PDB file of all heavy atoms in Angstrom:
ATOM      1  N   THR A   1      12.299   2.842  -1.146  1.00  0.00           N
ATOM      2  CA  THR A   1      11.484   1.715  -1.590  1.00  0.00           C
ATOM      3  C   THR A   1      10.030   2.171  -1.530  1.00  0.00           C
ATOM      4  O   THR A   1       9.588   2.726  -0.522  1.00  0.00           O
ATOM      5  CB  THR A   1      11.691   0.468  -0.713  1.00  0.00           C
ATOM      6  OG1 THR A   1      11.542   0.822   0.653  1.00  0.00           O
ATOM      7  CG2 THR A   1      13.072  -0.121  -0.932  1.00  0.00           C
ATOM      8  N   ILE A   2       9.342   1.975  -2.619  1.00  0.00           N
ATOM      9  CA  ILE A   2       7.977   2.490  -2.765  1.00  0.00           C
ATOM     10  C   ILE A   2       7.061   1.343  -3.179  1.00  0.00           C
ATOM     11  O   ILE A   2       7.385   0.578  -4.087  1.00  0.00           O
ATOM     12  CB  ILE A   2       7.947   3.620  -3.816  1.00  0.00           C
ATOM     13  CG1 ILE A   2       8.829   4.785  -3.348  1.00  0.00           C
ATOM     14  CG2 ILE A   2       6.513   4.067  -4.095  1.00  0.00           C
ATOM     15  CD1 ILE A   2       9.087   5.840  -4.393  1.00  0.00           C
ATOM     16  N   ALA A   3       5.923   1.247  -2.509  1.00  0.00           N
ATOM     17  CA  ALA A   3       4.898   0.279  -2.895  1.00  0.00           C
ATOM     18  C   ALA A   3       3.789   1.035  -3.614  1.00  0.00           C
ATOM     19  O   ALA A   3       3.368   2.101  -3.167  1.00  0.00           O
ATOM     20  CB  ALA A   3       4.337  -0.429  -1.664  1.00  0.00           C
ATOM     21  N   LEU A   4       3.331   0.492  -4.718  1.00  0.00           N
ATOM     22  CA  LEU A   4       2.161   1.017  -5.417  1.00  0.00           C
ATOM     23  C   LEU A   4       1.016   0.055  -5.178  1.00  0.00           C
ATOM     24  O   LEU A   4       1.184  -1.156  -5.325  1.00  0.00           O
ATOM     25  CB  LEU A   4       2.407   1.111  -6.922  1.00  0.00           C
ATOM     26  CG  LEU A   4       3.225   2.285  -7.403  1.00  0.00           C
ATOM     27  CD1 LEU A   4       4.695   1.966  -7.344  1.00  0.00           C
ATOM     28  CD2 LEU A   4       2.827   2.626  -8.813  1.00  0.00           C
ATOM     29  N   THR A   5      -0.151   0.593  -4.837  1.00  0.00           N
ATOM     30  CA  THR A   5      -1.300  -0.273  -4.599  1.00  0.00           C
ATOM     31  C   THR A   5      -1.807  -0.868  -5.909  1.00  0.00           C
ATOM     32  O   THR A   5      -1.582  -0.318  -6.986  1.00  0.00           O
ATOM     33  CB  THR A   5      -2.456   0.497  -3.933  1.00  0.00           C
ATOM     34  OG1 THR A   5      -2.917   1.510  -4.825  1.00  0.00           O
ATOM     35  CG2 THR A   5      -2.041   1.087  -2.604  1.00  0.00           C
ATOM     36  N   ARG A   6      -2.523  -1.965  -5.769  1.00  0.00           N
ATOM     37  CA  ARG A   6      -3.235  -2.513  -6.924  1.00  0.00           C
ATOM     38  C   ARG A   6      -4.331  -1.525  -7.310  1.00  0.00           C
ATOM     39  O   ARG A   6      -4.793  -0.739  -6.477  1.00  0.00           O
ATOM     40  CB  ARG A   6      -3.879  -3.853  -6.549  1.00  0.00           C
ATOM     41  CG  ARG A   6      -2.898  -4.947  -6.330  1.00  0.00           C
ATOM     42  CD  ARG A   6      -3.481  -6.304  -6.014  1.00  0.00           C
ATOM     43  NE  ARG A   6      -4.896  -6.431  -5.812  1.00  0.00           N
ATOM     44  CZ  ARG A   6      -5.471  -7.441  -5.165  1.00  0.00           C
ATOM     45  NH1 ARG A   6      -4.726  -8.404  -4.633  1.00  0.00           N
ATOM     46  NH2 ARG A   6      -6.775  -7.510  -5.038  1.00  0.00           N
ATOM     47  N   PRO A   7      -4.808  -1.572  -8.552  1.00  0.00           N
ATOM     48  CA  PRO A   7      -5.873  -0.654  -8.958  1.00  0.00           C
ATOM     49  C   PRO A   7      -7.220  -0.949  -8.305  1.00  0.00           C
ATOM     50  O   PRO A   7      -8.057  -0.070  -8.182  1.00  0.00           O
ATOM     51  CB  PRO A   7      -5.954  -0.809 -10.473  1.00  0.00           C
ATOM     52  CG  PRO A   7      -5.122  -1.965 -10.835  1.00  0.00           C
ATOM     53  CD  PRO A   7      -4.265  -2.333  -9.671  1.00  0.00           C
ATOM     54  N   ASP A   8      -7.418  -2.178  -7.838  1.00  0.00           N
ATOM     55  CA  ASP A   8      -8.681  -2.543  -7.202  1.00  0.00           C
ATOM     56  C   ASP A   8      -8.552  -2.408  -5.680  1.00  0.00           C
ATOM     57  O   ASP A   8      -7.460  -2.346  -5.137  1.00  0.00           O
ATOM     58  CB  ASP A   8      -9.067  -3.981  -7.567  1.00  0.00           C
ATOM     59  CG  ASP A   8      -8.036  -5.001  -7.097  1.00  0.00           C
ATOM     60  OD1 ASP A   8      -6.819  -4.737  -7.235  1.00  0.00           O
ATOM     61  OD2 ASP A   8      -8.423  -6.070  -6.580  1.00  0.00           O
ATOM     62  N   PHE A   9      -9.700  -2.351  -5.017  1.00  0.00           N
ATOM     63  CA  PHE A   9      -9.734  -2.368  -3.556  1.00  0.00           C
ATOM     64  C   PHE A   9      -9.900  -3.824  -3.130  1.00  0.00           C
ATOM     65  O   PHE A   9     -10.602  -4.583  -3.793  1.00  0.00           O
ATOM     66  CB  PHE A   9     -10.907  -1.530  -3.039  1.00  0.00           C
ATOM     67  CG  PHE A   9     -10.747  -0.064  -3.339  1.00  0.00           C
ATOM     68  CD1 PHE A   9     -11.279   0.492  -4.491  1.00  0.00           C
ATOM     69  CD2 PHE A   9     -10.060   0.764  -2.461  1.00  0.00           C
ATOM     70  CE1 PHE A   9     -11.133   1.837  -4.779  1.00  0.00           C
ATOM     71  CE2 PHE A   9      -9.901   2.118  -2.734  1.00  0.00           C
ATOM     72  CZ  PHE A   9     -10.442   2.655  -3.895  1.00  0.00           C
ATOM     73  N   PHE A  10      -9.264  -4.210  -2.040  1.00  0.00           N
ATOM     74  CA  PHE A  10      -9.347  -5.600  -1.604  1.00  0.00           C
ATOM     75  C   PHE A  10      -9.321  -5.680  -0.079  1.00  0.00           C
ATOM     76  O   PHE A  10      -8.880  -4.737   0.584  1.00  0.00           O
ATOM     77  CB  PHE A  10      -8.231  -6.445  -2.239  1.00  0.00           C
ATOM     78  CG  PHE A  10      -6.847  -5.961  -1.919  1.00  0.00           C
ATOM     79  CD1 PHE A  10      -6.143  -6.476  -0.834  1.00  0.00           C
ATOM     80  CD2 PHE A  10      -6.247  -4.987  -2.699  1.00  0.00           C
ATOM     81  CE1 PHE A  10      -4.872  -6.031  -0.545  1.00  0.00           C
ATOM     82  CE2 PHE A  10      -4.971  -4.537  -2.409  1.00  0.00           C
ATOM     83  CZ  PHE A  10      -4.276  -5.064  -1.329  1.00  0.00           C
ATOM     84  N   PRO A  11      -9.781  -6.788   0.494  1.00  0.00           N
ATOM     85  CA  PRO A  11      -9.842  -6.918   1.947  1.00  0.00           C
ATOM     86  C   PRO A  11      -8.465  -6.744   2.604  1.00  0.00           C
ATOM     87  O   PRO A  11      -7.455  -7.201   2.070  1.00  0.00           O
ATOM     88  CB  PRO A  11     -10.357  -8.351   2.166  1.00  0.00           C
ATOM     89  CG  PRO A  11     -11.067  -8.695   0.900  1.00  0.00           C
ATOM     90  CD  PRO A  11     -10.337  -7.959  -0.188  1.00  0.00           C
ATOM     91  N   ARG A  12      -8.466  -6.065   3.742  1.00  0.00           N
ATOM     92  CA  ARG A  12      -7.274  -5.856   4.568  1.00  0.00           C
ATOM     93  C   ARG A  12      -6.205  -4.989   3.894  1.00  0.00           C
ATOM     94  O   ARG A  12      -5.056  -4.978   4.304  1.00  0.00           O
ATOM     95  CB  ARG A  12      -6.691  -7.192   5.022  1.00  0.00           C
ATOM     96  CG  ARG A  12      -7.661  -8.038   5.840  1.00  0.00           C
ATOM     97  CD  ARG A  12      -7.066  -9.324   6.405  1.00  0.00           C
ATOM     98  NE  ARG A  12      -5.833  -9.106   7.116  1.00  0.00           N
ATOM     99  CZ  ARG A  12      -4.632  -9.596   6.737  1.00  0.00           C
ATOM    100  NH1 ARG A  12      -4.538 -10.336   5.656  1.00  0.00           N
ATOM    101  NH2 ARG A  12      -3.561  -9.358   7.438  1.00  0.00           N
ATOM    102  N   GLU A  13      -6.585  -4.262   2.857  1.00  0.00           N
ATOM    103  CA  GLU A  13      -5.603  -3.436   2.148  1.00  0.00           C
ATOM    104  C   GLU A  13      -4.960  -2.412   3.085  1.00  0.00           C
ATOM    105  O   GLU A  13      -3.741  -2.224   3.075  1.00  0.00           O
ATOM    106  CB  GLU A  13      -6.258  -2.729   0.956  1.00  0.00           C
ATOM    107  CG  GLU A  13      -5.286  -1.923   0.121  1.00  0.00           C
ATOM    108  CD  GLU A  13      -5.885  -1.425  -1.178  1.00  0.00           C
ATOM    109  OE1 GLU A  13      -7.137  -1.427  -1.322  1.00  0.00           O
ATOM    110  OE2 GLU A  13      -5.112  -1.032  -2.068  1.00  0.00           O
ATOM    111  N   SER A  14      -5.774  -1.758   3.905  1.00  0.00           N
ATOM    112  CA  SER A  14      -5.217  -0.750   4.822  1.00  0.00           C
ATOM    113  C   SER A  14      -4.248  -1.393   5.807  1.00  0.00           C
ATOM    114  O   SER A  14      -3.209  -0.802   6.138  1.00  0.00           O
ATOM    115  CB  SER A  14      -6.335  -0.015   5.558  1.00  0.00           C
ATOM    116  OG  SER A  14      -7.104  -0.918   6.326  1.00  0.00           O
ATOM    117  N   GLU A  15      -4.546  -2.594   6.272  1.00  0.00           N
ATOM    118  CA  GLU A  15      -3.643  -3.295   7.196  1.00  0.00           C
ATOM    119  C   GLU A  15      -2.309  -3.621   6.524  1.00  0.00           C
ATOM    120  O   GLU A  15      -1.253  -3.513   7.146  1.00  0.00           O
ATOM    121  CB  GLU A  15      -4.293  -4.584   7.693  1.00  0.00           C
ATOM    122  CG  GLU A  15      -5.494  -4.371   8.585  1.00  0.00           C
ATOM    123  CD  GLU A  15      -6.194  -5.688   8.907  1.00  0.00           C
ATOM    124  OE1 GLU A  15      -5.507  -6.719   9.089  1.00  0.00           O
ATOM    125  OE2 GLU A  15      -7.443  -5.685   8.945  1.00  0.00           O
ATOM    126  N   ILE A  16      -2.368  -4.029   5.280  1.00  0.00           N
ATOM    127  CA  ILE A  16      -1.137  -4.340   4.545  1.00  0.00           C
ATOM    128  C   ILE A  16      -0.306  -3.076   4.367  1.00  0.00           C
ATOM    129  O   ILE A  16       0.912  -3.085   4.567  1.00  0.00           O
ATOM    130  CB  ILE A  16      -1.457  -5.008   3.192  1.00  0.00           C
ATOM    131  CG1 ILE A  16      -2.074  -6.394   3.442  1.00  0.00           C
ATOM    132  CG2 ILE A  16      -0.218  -5.116   2.317  1.00  0.00           C
ATOM    133  CD1 ILE A  16      -2.658  -7.049   2.214  1.00  0.00           C
ATOM    134  N   ILE A  17      -0.954  -1.972   4.013  1.00  0.00           N
ATOM    135  CA  ILE A  17      -0.244  -0.696   3.851  1.00  0.00           C
ATOM    136  C   ILE A  17       0.414  -0.293   5.165  1.00  0.00           C
ATOM    137  O   ILE A  17       1.607   0.072   5.188  1.00  0.00           O
ATOM    138  CB  ILE A  17      -1.213   0.395   3.347  1.00  0.00           C
ATOM    139  CG1 ILE A  17      -1.623   0.103   1.895  1.00  0.00           C
ATOM    140  CG2 ILE A  17      -0.585   1.783   3.476  1.00  0.00           C
ATOM    141  CD1 ILE A  17      -2.760   0.961   1.364  1.00  0.00           C
ATOM    142  N   GLU A  18      -0.323  -0.358   6.256  1.00  0.00           N
ATOM    143  CA  GLU A  18       0.258  -0.016   7.563  1.00  0.00           C
ATOM    144  C   GLU A  18       1.423  -0.940   7.912  1.00  0.00           C
ATOM    145  O   GLU A  18       2.442  -0.488   8.441  1.00  0.00           O
ATOM    146  CB  GLU A  18      -0.811  -0.100   8.657  1.00  0.00           C
ATOM    147  CG  GLU A  18      -1.791   1.035   8.628  1.00  0.00           C
ATOM    148  CD  GLU A  18      -2.825   0.949   9.755  1.00  0.00           C
ATOM    149  OE1 GLU A  18      -2.818  -0.031  10.533  1.00  0.00           O
ATOM    150  OE2 GLU A  18      -3.649   1.883   9.853  1.00  0.00           O
ATOM    151  N   GLY A  19       1.280  -2.215   7.611  1.00  0.00           N
ATOM    152  CA  GLY A  19       2.352  -3.169   7.888  1.00  0.00           C
ATOM    153  C   GLY A  19       3.618  -2.875   7.115  1.00  0.00           C
ATOM    154  O   GLY A  19       4.725  -2.955   7.660  1.00  0.00           O
ATOM    155  N   LEU A  20       3.471  -2.532   5.847  1.00  0.00           N
ATOM    156  CA  LEU A  20       4.636  -2.196   5.026  1.00  0.00           C
ATOM    157  C   LEU A  20       5.350  -0.962   5.570  1.00  0.00           C
ATOM    158  O   LEU A  20       6.578  -0.926   5.653  1.00  0.00           O
ATOM    159  CB  LEU A  20       4.210  -1.955   3.575  1.00  0.00           C
ATOM    160  CG  LEU A  20       3.796  -3.183   2.774  1.00  0.00           C
ATOM    161  CD1 LEU A  20       3.162  -2.771   1.450  1.00  0.00           C
ATOM    162  CD2 LEU A  20       4.993  -4.096   2.539  1.00  0.00           C
ATOM    163  N   LEU A  21       4.574   0.044   5.943  1.00  0.00           N
ATOM    164  CA  LEU A  21       5.169   1.287   6.442  1.00  0.00           C
ATOM    165  C   LEU A  21       5.765   1.108   7.843  1.00  0.00           C
ATOM    166  O   LEU A  21       6.874   1.573   8.109  1.00  0.00           O
ATOM    167  CB  LEU A  21       4.137   2.414   6.424  1.00  0.00           C
ATOM    168  CG  LEU A  21       3.759   2.915   5.032  1.00  0.00           C
ATOM    169  CD1 LEU A  21       2.518   3.798   5.083  1.00  0.00           C
ATOM    170  CD2 LEU A  21       4.931   3.670   4.399  1.00  0.00           C
ATOM    171  N   SER A  22       5.060   0.425   8.724  1.00  0.00           N
ATOM    172  CA  SER A  22       5.562   0.277  10.100  1.00  0.00           C
ATOM    173  C   SER A  22       6.793  -0.619  10.173  1.00  0.00           C
ATOM    174  O   SER A  22       7.634  -0.450  11.041  1.00  0.00           O
ATOM    175  CB  SER A  22       4.471  -0.235  11.038  1.00  0.00           C
ATOM    176  OG  SER A  22       4.091  -1.546  10.693  1.00  0.00           O
ATOM    177  N   SER A  23       6.921  -1.553   9.247  1.00  0.00           N
ATOM    178  CA  SER A  23       8.064  -2.470   9.240  1.00  0.00           C
ATOM    179  C   SER A  23       9.326  -1.826   8.673  1.00  0.00           C
ATOM    180  O   SER A  23      10.414  -2.369   8.825  1.00  0.00           O
ATOM    181  CB  SER A  23       7.736  -3.707   8.403  1.00  0.00           C
ATOM    182  OG  SER A  23       7.654  -3.359   7.024  1.00  0.00           O
ATOM    183  N   GLY A  24       9.164  -0.692   7.993  1.00  0.00           N
ATOM    184  CA  GLY A  24      10.302  -0.057   7.345  1.00  0.00           C
ATOM    185  C   GLY A  24      10.636  -0.677   5.998  1.00  0.00           C
ATOM    186  O   GLY A  24      11.636  -0.321   5.380  1.00  0.00           O
ATOM    187  N   LYS A  25       9.801  -1.598   5.527  1.00  0.00           N
ATOM    188  CA  LYS A  25      10.049  -2.219   4.221  1.00  0.00           C
ATOM    189  C   LYS A  25       9.890  -1.224   3.080  1.00  0.00           C
ATOM    190  O   LYS A  25      10.495  -1.386   2.029  1.00  0.00           O
ATOM    191  CB  LYS A  25       9.119  -3.411   4.000  1.00  0.00           C
ATOM    192  CG  LYS A  25       9.437  -4.590   4.865  1.00  0.00           C
ATOM    193  CD  LYS A  25       8.489  -5.741   4.595  1.00  0.00           C
ATOM    194  CE  LYS A  25       8.822  -6.909   5.497  1.00  0.00           C
ATOM    195  NZ  LYS A  25       7.868  -7.998   5.368  1.00  0.00           N
ATOM    196  N   VAL A  26       9.028  -0.225   3.289  1.00  0.00           N
ATOM    197  CA  VAL A  26       8.833   0.791   2.258  1.00  0.00           C
ATOM    198  C   VAL A  26       8.944   2.196   2.853  1.00  0.00           C
ATOM    199  O   VAL A  26       8.638   2.414   4.022  1.00  0.00           O
ATOM    200  CB  VAL A  26       7.485   0.631   1.511  1.00  0.00           C
ATOM    201  CG1 VAL A  26       7.388  -0.723   0.833  1.00  0.00           C
ATOM    202  CG2 VAL A  26       6.307   0.865   2.411  1.00  0.00           C
ATOM    203  N   SER A  27       9.376   3.116   2.015  1.00  0.00           N
ATOM    204  CA  SER A  27       9.492   4.524   2.397  1.00  0.00           C
ATOM    205  C   SER A  27       8.163   5.240   2.210  1.00  0.00           C
ATOM    206  O   SER A  27       7.811   6.112   2.998  1.00  0.00           O
ATOM    207  CB  SER A  27      10.541   5.217   1.526  1.00  0.00           C
ATOM    208  OG  SER A  27      11.723   4.463   1.437  1.00  0.00           O
ATOM    209  N   PHE A  28       7.461   4.882   1.130  1.00  0.00           N
ATOM    210  CA  PHE A  28       6.180   5.494   0.775  1.00  0.00           C
ATOM    211  C   PHE A  28       5.265   4.441   0.169  1.00  0.00           C
ATOM    212  O   PHE A  28       5.741   3.450  -0.386  1.00  0.00           O
ATOM    213  CB  PHE A  28       6.346   6.615  -0.265  1.00  0.00           C
ATOM    214  CG  PHE A  28       7.188   7.758   0.182  1.00  0.00           C
ATOM    215  CD1 PHE A  28       8.495   7.894  -0.247  1.00  0.00           C
ATOM    216  CD2 PHE A  28       6.666   8.717   1.048  1.00  0.00           C
ATOM    217  CE1 PHE A  28       9.282   8.947   0.178  1.00  0.00           C
ATOM    218  CE2 PHE A  28       7.443   9.775   1.477  1.00  0.00           C
ATOM    219  CZ  PHE A  28       8.751   9.893   1.046  1.00  0.00           C
ATOM    220  N   VAL A  29       3.966   4.710   0.242  1.00  0.00           N
ATOM    221  CA  VAL A  29       2.981   3.922  -0.489  1.00  0.00           C
ATOM    222  C   VAL A  29       2.243   4.887  -1.405  1.00  0.00           C
ATOM    223  O   VAL A  29       1.717   5.901  -0.957  1.00  0.00           O
ATOM    224  CB  VAL A  29       1.982   3.202   0.450  1.00  0.00           C
ATOM    225  CG1 VAL A  29       0.871   2.551  -0.363  1.00  0.00           C
ATOM    226  CG2 VAL A  29       2.696   2.174   1.315  1.00  0.00           C
ATOM    227  N   HIS A  30       2.256   4.575  -2.683  1.00  0.00           N
ATOM    228  CA  HIS A  30       1.505   5.348  -3.668  1.00  0.00           C
ATOM    229  C   HIS A  30       0.138   4.704  -3.817  1.00  0.00           C
ATOM    230  O   HIS A  30       0.049   3.514  -4.150  1.00  0.00           O
ATOM    231  CB  HIS A  30       2.227   5.347  -5.016  1.00  0.00           C
ATOM    232  CG  HIS A  30       3.336   6.330  -5.106  1.00  0.00           C
ATOM    233  ND1 HIS A  30       3.424   7.236  -6.132  1.00  0.00           N
ATOM    234  CD2 HIS A  30       4.398   6.563  -4.304  1.00  0.00           C
ATOM    235  CE1 HIS A  30       4.499   7.979  -5.962  1.00  0.00           C
ATOM    236  NE2 HIS A  30       5.114   7.582  -4.851  1.00  0.00           N
ATOM    237  N   ILE A  31      -0.900   5.480  -3.538  1.00  0.00           N
ATOM    238  CA  ILE A  31      -2.262   4.985  -3.715  1.00  0.00           C
ATOM    239  C   ILE A  31      -2.670   5.268  -5.154  1.00  0.00           C
ATOM    240  O   ILE A  31      -2.900   6.413  -5.528  1.00  0.00           O
ATOM    241  CB  ILE A  31      -3.226   5.625  -2.695  1.00  0.00           C
ATOM    242  CG1 ILE A  31      -2.809   5.224  -1.273  1.00  0.00           C
ATOM    243  CG2 ILE A  31      -4.668   5.203  -2.989  1.00  0.00           C
ATOM    244  CD1 ILE A  31      -3.636   5.839  -0.178  1.00  0.00           C
ATOM    245  N   ARG A  32      -2.700   4.212  -5.940  1.00  0.00           N
ATOM    246  CA  ARG A  32      -3.005   4.294  -7.371  1.00  0.00           C
ATOM    247  C   ARG A  32      -4.274   3.494  -7.637  1.00  0.00           C
ATOM    248  O   ARG A  32      -4.251   2.265  -7.637  1.00  0.00           O
ATOM    249  CB  ARG A  32      -1.836   3.726  -8.174  1.00  0.00           C
ATOM    250  CG  ARG A  32      -2.020   3.853  -9.662  1.00  0.00           C
ATOM    251  CD  ARG A  32      -0.848   3.198 -10.403  1.00  0.00           C
ATOM    252  NE  ARG A  32      -1.198   3.037 -11.796  1.00  0.00           N
ATOM    253  CZ  ARG A  32      -1.927   2.026 -12.281  1.00  0.00           C
ATOM    254  NH1 ARG A  32      -2.342   1.070 -11.504  1.00  0.00           N
ATOM    255  NH2 ARG A  32      -2.217   1.976 -13.566  1.00  0.00           N
ATOM    256  N   LYS A  33      -5.363   4.203  -7.819  1.00  0.00           N
ATOM    257  CA  LYS A  33      -6.669   3.576  -8.011  1.00  0.00           C
ATOM    258  C   LYS A  33      -7.380   4.227  -9.198  1.00  0.00           C
ATOM    259  O   LYS A  33      -8.374   4.937  -9.038  1.00  0.00           O
ATOM    260  CB  LYS A  33      -7.535   3.727  -6.749  1.00  0.00           C
ATOM    261  CG  LYS A  33      -6.931   3.174  -5.470  1.00  0.00           C
ATOM    262  CD  LYS A  33      -6.950   1.661  -5.474  1.00  0.00           C
ATOM    263  CE  LYS A  33      -6.437   1.100  -4.156  1.00  0.00           C
ATOM    264  NZ  LYS A  33      -6.328  -0.352  -4.201  1.00  0.00           N
ATOM    265  N   PRO A  34      -6.881   4.013 -10.426  1.00  0.00           N
ATOM    266  CA  PRO A  34      -7.550   4.616 -11.575  1.00  0.00           C
ATOM    267  C   PRO A  34      -9.003   4.156 -11.659  1.00  0.00           C
ATOM    268  O   PRO A  34      -9.294   2.996 -11.457  1.00  0.00           O
ATOM    269  CB  PRO A  34      -6.738   4.131 -12.780  1.00  0.00           C
ATOM    270  CG  PRO A  34      -5.915   3.005 -12.282  1.00  0.00           C
ATOM    271  CD  PRO A  34      -5.799   3.131 -10.795  1.00  0.00           C
ATOM    272  N   GLY A  35      -9.878   5.086 -11.892  1.00  0.00           N
ATOM    273  CA  GLY A  35     -11.288   4.754 -11.993  1.00  0.00           C
ATOM    274  C   GLY A  35     -12.038   4.814 -10.669  1.00  0.00           C
ATOM    275  O   GLY A  35     -13.259   4.762 -10.656  1.00  0.00           O
TER     276      GLY A  35
END
């Protein structure tokens, strides 16, 4: 299970990424920030 980030930066994004990974909900997070 892979989460792709939104293209924009937003508040608490790093916390959400850590939460997804620490919970085991996702295997990887793809940081996709075109531009």
